[in-house]
Amino acid sequence: MVLVEAMNYGLPIVAGKSSGAVPWVVKEAGIMINLSDIDEISDALEELLTNEDLYNKLSANGKKNVADRFSLDFVAKKYMELYEKN
């Protein structure tokens, strides 16, 4: 949930590429890294703080991702489709 909330506020994500469903949730809204590698974490954060174009691109991608896949209307529609199937 915290990833969706961050994307909704336009915050680019730095997250684990091997962290369960995280890559599926984040999609094109962040930088996927090995969270066990401090250099990867540092490099990703530095890239976001120094590359305004990348920051803005990931920010926009995150907002779109939330609107397209995690909005109340979208989720409710998906639940209704499941209920109607059964």
N, C-alpha and C. Protein backbone atom coordinates (compact mmCIF):
# COMPACT_ATOMS: atom_id res chain seq x y z
N MET A 1 0.82 -1.20 0.00
CA MET A 1 0.00 0.00 0.00
C MET A 1 0.86 1.26 0.00
N VAL A 2 1.98 1.22 0.71
CA VAL A 2 2.81 2.41 0.80
C VAL A 2 3.38 2.79 -0.57
N LEU A 3 3.64 1.81 -1.42
CA LEU A 3 4.14 2.11 -2.76
C LEU A 3 3.08 2.83 -3.59
N VAL A 4 1.85 2.37 -3.51
CA VAL A 4 0.75 3.00 -4.24
C VAL A 4 0.53 4.42 -3.72
N GLU A 5 0.57 4.60 -2.41
CA GLU A 5 0.41 5.93 -1.84
C GLU A 5 1.52 6.87 -2.30
N ALA A 6 2.75 6.39 -2.31
CA ALA A 6 3.88 7.22 -2.75
C ALA A 6 3.72 7.60 -4.22
N MET A 7 3.36 6.63 -5.06
CA MET A 7 3.17 6.93 -6.48
C MET A 7 2.05 7.94 -6.68
N ASN A 8 0.98 7.82 -5.90
CA ASN A 8 -0.14 8.74 -6.00
C ASN A 8 0.30 10.18 -5.72
N TYR A 9 1.28 10.35 -4.86
CA TYR A 9 1.81 11.68 -4.54
C TYR A 9 2.91 12.11 -5.50
N GLY A 10 3.21 11.26 -6.50
CA GLY A 10 4.21 11.62 -7.49
C GLY A 10 5.64 11.33 -7.08
N LEU A 11 5.82 10.50 -6.08
CA LEU A 11 7.17 10.16 -5.65
C LEU A 11 7.70 8.97 -6.43
N PRO A 12 8.84 9.11 -7.10
CA PRO A 12 9.45 7.97 -7.76
C PRO A 12 9.86 6.93 -6.71
N ILE A 13 9.84 5.69 -7.12
CA ILE A 13 10.09 4.59 -6.20
C ILE A 13 11.47 4.00 -6.42
N VAL A 14 12.16 3.68 -5.34
CA VAL A 14 13.36 2.85 -5.36
C VAL A 14 13.00 1.62 -4.56
N ALA A 15 12.98 0.46 -5.23
CA ALA A 15 12.46 -0.73 -4.57
C ALA A 15 13.19 -1.97 -5.04
N GLY A 16 12.97 -3.05 -4.32
CA GLY A 16 13.65 -4.31 -4.60
C GLY A 16 13.10 -5.04 -5.81
N LYS A 17 13.99 -5.36 -6.73
CA LYS A 17 13.57 -6.07 -7.94
C LYS A 17 13.20 -7.52 -7.65
N SER A 18 13.58 -8.02 -6.49
CA SER A 18 13.24 -9.40 -6.11
C SER A 18 12.37 -9.42 -4.86
N SER A 19 11.55 -8.39 -4.71
CA SER A 19 10.72 -8.24 -3.51
C SER A 19 9.26 -8.57 -3.79
N GLY A 20 9.00 -9.82 -4.12
CA GLY A 20 7.63 -10.27 -4.32
C GLY A 20 6.92 -9.51 -5.43
N ALA A 21 5.77 -8.95 -5.11
CA ALA A 21 4.94 -8.27 -6.10
C ALA A 21 5.36 -6.83 -6.36
N VAL A 22 6.41 -6.37 -5.70
CA VAL A 22 6.82 -4.97 -5.83
C VAL A 22 7.04 -4.55 -7.29
N PRO A 23 7.79 -5.29 -8.10
CA PRO A 23 7.96 -4.87 -9.49
C PRO A 23 6.63 -4.79 -10.25
N TRP A 24 5.69 -5.69 -9.96
CA TRP A 24 4.38 -5.65 -10.59
C TRP A 24 3.61 -4.40 -10.18
N VAL A 25 3.70 -4.02 -8.92
CA VAL A 25 2.99 -2.84 -8.43
C VAL A 25 3.61 -1.57 -9.01
N VAL A 26 4.92 -1.48 -8.98
CA VAL A 26 5.61 -0.25 -9.37
C VAL A 26 5.65 -0.05 -10.88
N LYS A 27 5.84 -1.13 -11.62
CA LYS A 27 5.97 -1.06 -13.09
C LYS A 27 7.02 -0.03 -13.50
N GLU A 28 6.62 0.98 -14.28
CA GLU A 28 7.55 1.97 -14.83
C GLU A 28 7.63 3.25 -13.98
N ALA A 29 7.37 3.12 -12.70
CA ALA A 29 7.35 4.29 -11.82
C ALA A 29 8.54 4.33 -10.87
N GLY A 30 9.52 3.48 -11.11
CA GLY A 30 10.64 3.46 -10.18
C GLY A 30 11.86 2.77 -10.73
N ILE A 31 12.85 2.72 -9.88
CA ILE A 31 14.11 2.06 -10.18
C ILE A 31 14.15 0.79 -9.33
N MET A 32 14.25 -0.34 -10.00
CA MET A 32 14.31 -1.62 -9.30
C MET A 32 15.76 -2.00 -9.06
N ILE A 33 16.07 -2.32 -7.81
CA ILE A 33 17.45 -2.59 -7.42
C ILE A 33 17.52 -3.83 -6.53
N ASN A 34 18.73 -4.25 -6.26
CA ASN A 34 19.01 -5.28 -5.26
C ASN A 34 19.12 -4.56 -3.92
N LEU A 35 18.15 -4.77 -3.06
CA LEU A 35 18.13 -4.05 -1.78
C LEU A 35 19.24 -4.48 -0.82
N SER A 36 19.95 -5.53 -1.14
CA SER A 36 21.08 -5.97 -0.31
C SER A 36 22.37 -5.26 -0.68
N ASP A 37 22.34 -4.48 -1.74
CA ASP A 37 23.55 -3.80 -2.24
C ASP A 37 23.46 -2.31 -1.95
N ILE A 38 24.19 -1.87 -0.96
CA ILE A 38 24.15 -0.46 -0.53
C ILE A 38 24.56 0.49 -1.66
N ASP A 39 25.47 0.03 -2.52
CA ASP A 39 25.88 0.89 -3.64
C ASP A 39 24.74 1.08 -4.64
N GLU A 40 23.95 0.05 -4.88
CA GLU A 40 22.80 0.18 -5.78
C GLU A 40 21.77 1.14 -5.19
N ILE A 41 21.55 1.04 -3.90
CA ILE A 41 20.60 1.95 -3.24
C ILE A 41 21.09 3.39 -3.38
N SER A 42 22.34 3.61 -3.06
CA SER A 42 22.93 4.94 -3.14
C SER A 42 22.90 5.49 -4.56
N ASP A 43 23.28 4.66 -5.52
CA ASP A 43 23.29 5.10 -6.92
C ASP A 43 21.89 5.46 -7.40
N ALA A 44 20.90 4.66 -7.04
CA ALA A 44 19.52 4.93 -7.47
C ALA A 44 19.01 6.24 -6.87
N LEU A 45 19.28 6.44 -5.60
CA LEU A 45 18.84 7.69 -4.96
C LEU A 45 19.54 8.90 -5.55
N GLU A 46 20.85 8.76 -5.78
CA GLU A 46 21.60 9.86 -6.39
C GLU A 46 21.06 10.18 -7.78
N GLU A 47 20.76 9.15 -8.55
CA GLU A 47 20.21 9.35 -9.90
C GLU A 47 18.90 10.12 -9.84
N LEU A 48 18.03 9.76 -8.92
CA LEU A 48 16.75 10.47 -8.80
C LEU A 48 16.94 11.92 -8.36
N LEU A 49 17.91 12.16 -7.50
CA LEU A 49 18.12 13.51 -6.98
C LEU A 49 18.88 14.42 -7.94
N THR A 50 19.54 13.84 -8.92
CA THR A 50 20.34 14.65 -9.84
C THR A 50 19.82 14.66 -11.27
N ASN A 51 18.87 13.80 -11.58
CA ASN A 51 18.34 13.71 -12.94
C ASN A 51 16.86 14.12 -12.91
N GLU A 52 16.64 15.39 -13.14
CA GLU A 52 15.27 15.94 -13.05
C GLU A 52 14.33 15.30 -14.07
N ASP A 53 14.83 15.03 -15.27
CA ASP A 53 13.99 14.41 -16.30
C ASP A 53 13.53 13.02 -15.86
N LEU A 54 14.45 12.23 -15.32
CA LEU A 54 14.10 10.90 -14.85
C LEU A 54 13.09 11.00 -13.70
N TYR A 55 13.36 11.89 -12.75
CA TYR A 55 12.44 12.08 -11.62
C TYR A 55 11.03 12.39 -12.13
N ASN A 56 10.94 13.34 -13.05
CA ASN A 56 9.63 13.76 -13.56
C ASN A 56 8.94 12.64 -14.34
N LYS A 57 9.71 11.88 -15.13
CA LYS A 57 9.16 10.77 -15.89
C LYS A 57 8.59 9.70 -14.95
N LEU A 58 9.38 9.30 -13.94
CA LEU A 58 8.92 8.28 -13.01
C LEU A 58 7.74 8.78 -12.18
N SER A 59 7.76 10.05 -11.85
CA SER A 59 6.65 10.65 -11.10
C SER A 59 5.35 10.57 -11.92
N ALA A 60 5.41 10.97 -13.18
CA ALA A 60 4.24 10.92 -14.04
C ALA A 60 3.78 9.48 -14.26
N ASN A 61 4.73 8.57 -14.46
CA ASN A 61 4.39 7.16 -14.64
C ASN A 61 3.67 6.61 -13.40
N GLY A 62 4.13 7.01 -12.23
CA GLY A 62 3.52 6.54 -11.00
C GLY A 62 2.08 7.01 -10.85
N LYS A 63 1.85 8.28 -11.13
CA LYS A 63 0.49 8.82 -11.03
C LYS A 63 -0.44 8.12 -12.01
N LYS A 64 0.04 7.88 -13.22
CA LYS A 64 -0.77 7.18 -14.22
C LYS A 64 -1.01 5.73 -13.80
N ASN A 65 0.01 5.10 -13.27
CA ASN A 65 -0.09 3.72 -12.80
C ASN A 65 -1.20 3.60 -11.75
N VAL A 66 -1.20 4.51 -10.80
CA VAL A 66 -2.22 4.49 -9.73
C VAL A 66 -3.61 4.73 -10.32
N ALA A 67 -3.73 5.72 -11.18
CA ALA A 67 -5.03 6.03 -11.78
C ALA A 67 -5.56 4.87 -12.61
N ASP A 68 -4.66 4.21 -13.34
CA ASP A 68 -5.08 3.12 -14.24
C ASP A 68 -5.35 1.81 -13.51
N ARG A 69 -4.62 1.53 -12.44
CA ARG A 69 -4.66 0.19 -11.86
C ARG A 69 -5.11 0.10 -10.40
N PHE A 70 -5.12 1.22 -9.69
CA PHE A 70 -5.41 1.15 -8.26
C PHE A 70 -6.48 2.14 -7.79
N SER A 71 -7.15 2.78 -8.73
CA SER A 71 -8.21 3.71 -8.33
C SER A 71 -9.39 2.94 -7.74
N LEU A 72 -10.18 3.59 -6.94
CA LEU A 72 -11.36 2.96 -6.34
C LEU A 72 -12.29 2.42 -7.41
N ASP A 73 -12.53 3.19 -8.45
CA ASP A 73 -13.43 2.75 -9.52
C ASP A 73 -12.90 1.50 -10.22
N PHE A 74 -11.61 1.49 -10.52
CA PHE A 74 -11.02 0.34 -11.22
C PHE A 74 -11.08 -0.92 -10.36
N VAL A 75 -10.71 -0.79 -9.10
CA VAL A 75 -10.71 -1.95 -8.20
C VAL A 75 -12.13 -2.46 -7.98
N ALA A 76 -13.07 -1.56 -7.77
CA ALA A 76 -14.47 -1.96 -7.59
C ALA A 76 -14.99 -2.67 -8.83
N LYS A 77 -14.64 -2.16 -10.01
CA LYS A 77 -15.06 -2.80 -11.26
C LYS A 77 -14.51 -4.22 -11.34
N LYS A 78 -13.26 -4.41 -10.98
CA LYS A 78 -12.64 -5.74 -11.02
C LYS A 78 -13.32 -6.69 -10.04
N TYR A 79 -13.65 -6.21 -8.85
CA TYR A 79 -14.38 -7.04 -7.89
C TYR A 79 -15.74 -7.44 -8.44
N MET A 80 -16.45 -6.50 -9.03
CA MET A 80 -17.76 -6.79 -9.59
C MET A 80 -17.66 -7.83 -10.71
N GLU A 81 -16.64 -7.73 -11.54
CA GLU A 81 -16.44 -8.72 -12.60
C GLU A 81 -16.23 -10.11 -12.00
N LEU A 82 -15.48 -10.19 -10.92
CA LEU A 82 -15.25 -11.47 -10.26
C LEU A 82 -16.54 -12.02 -9.66
N TYR A 83 -17.31 -11.17 -9.00
CA TYR A 83 -18.56 -11.61 -8.40
C TYR A 83 -19.53 -12.12 -9.47
N GLU A 84 -19.58 -11.42 -10.59
CA GLU A 84 -20.50 -11.81 -11.66
C GLU A 84 -20.08 -13.12 -12.31
N LYS A 85 -18.80 -13.43 -12.28
CA LYS A 85 -18.32 -14.71 -12.84
C LYS A 85 -18.79 -15.89 -12.03
N ASN A 86 -18.88 -15.71 -10.73
CA ASN A 86 -19.19 -16.83 -9.83
C ASN A 86 -20.62 -16.87 -9.51
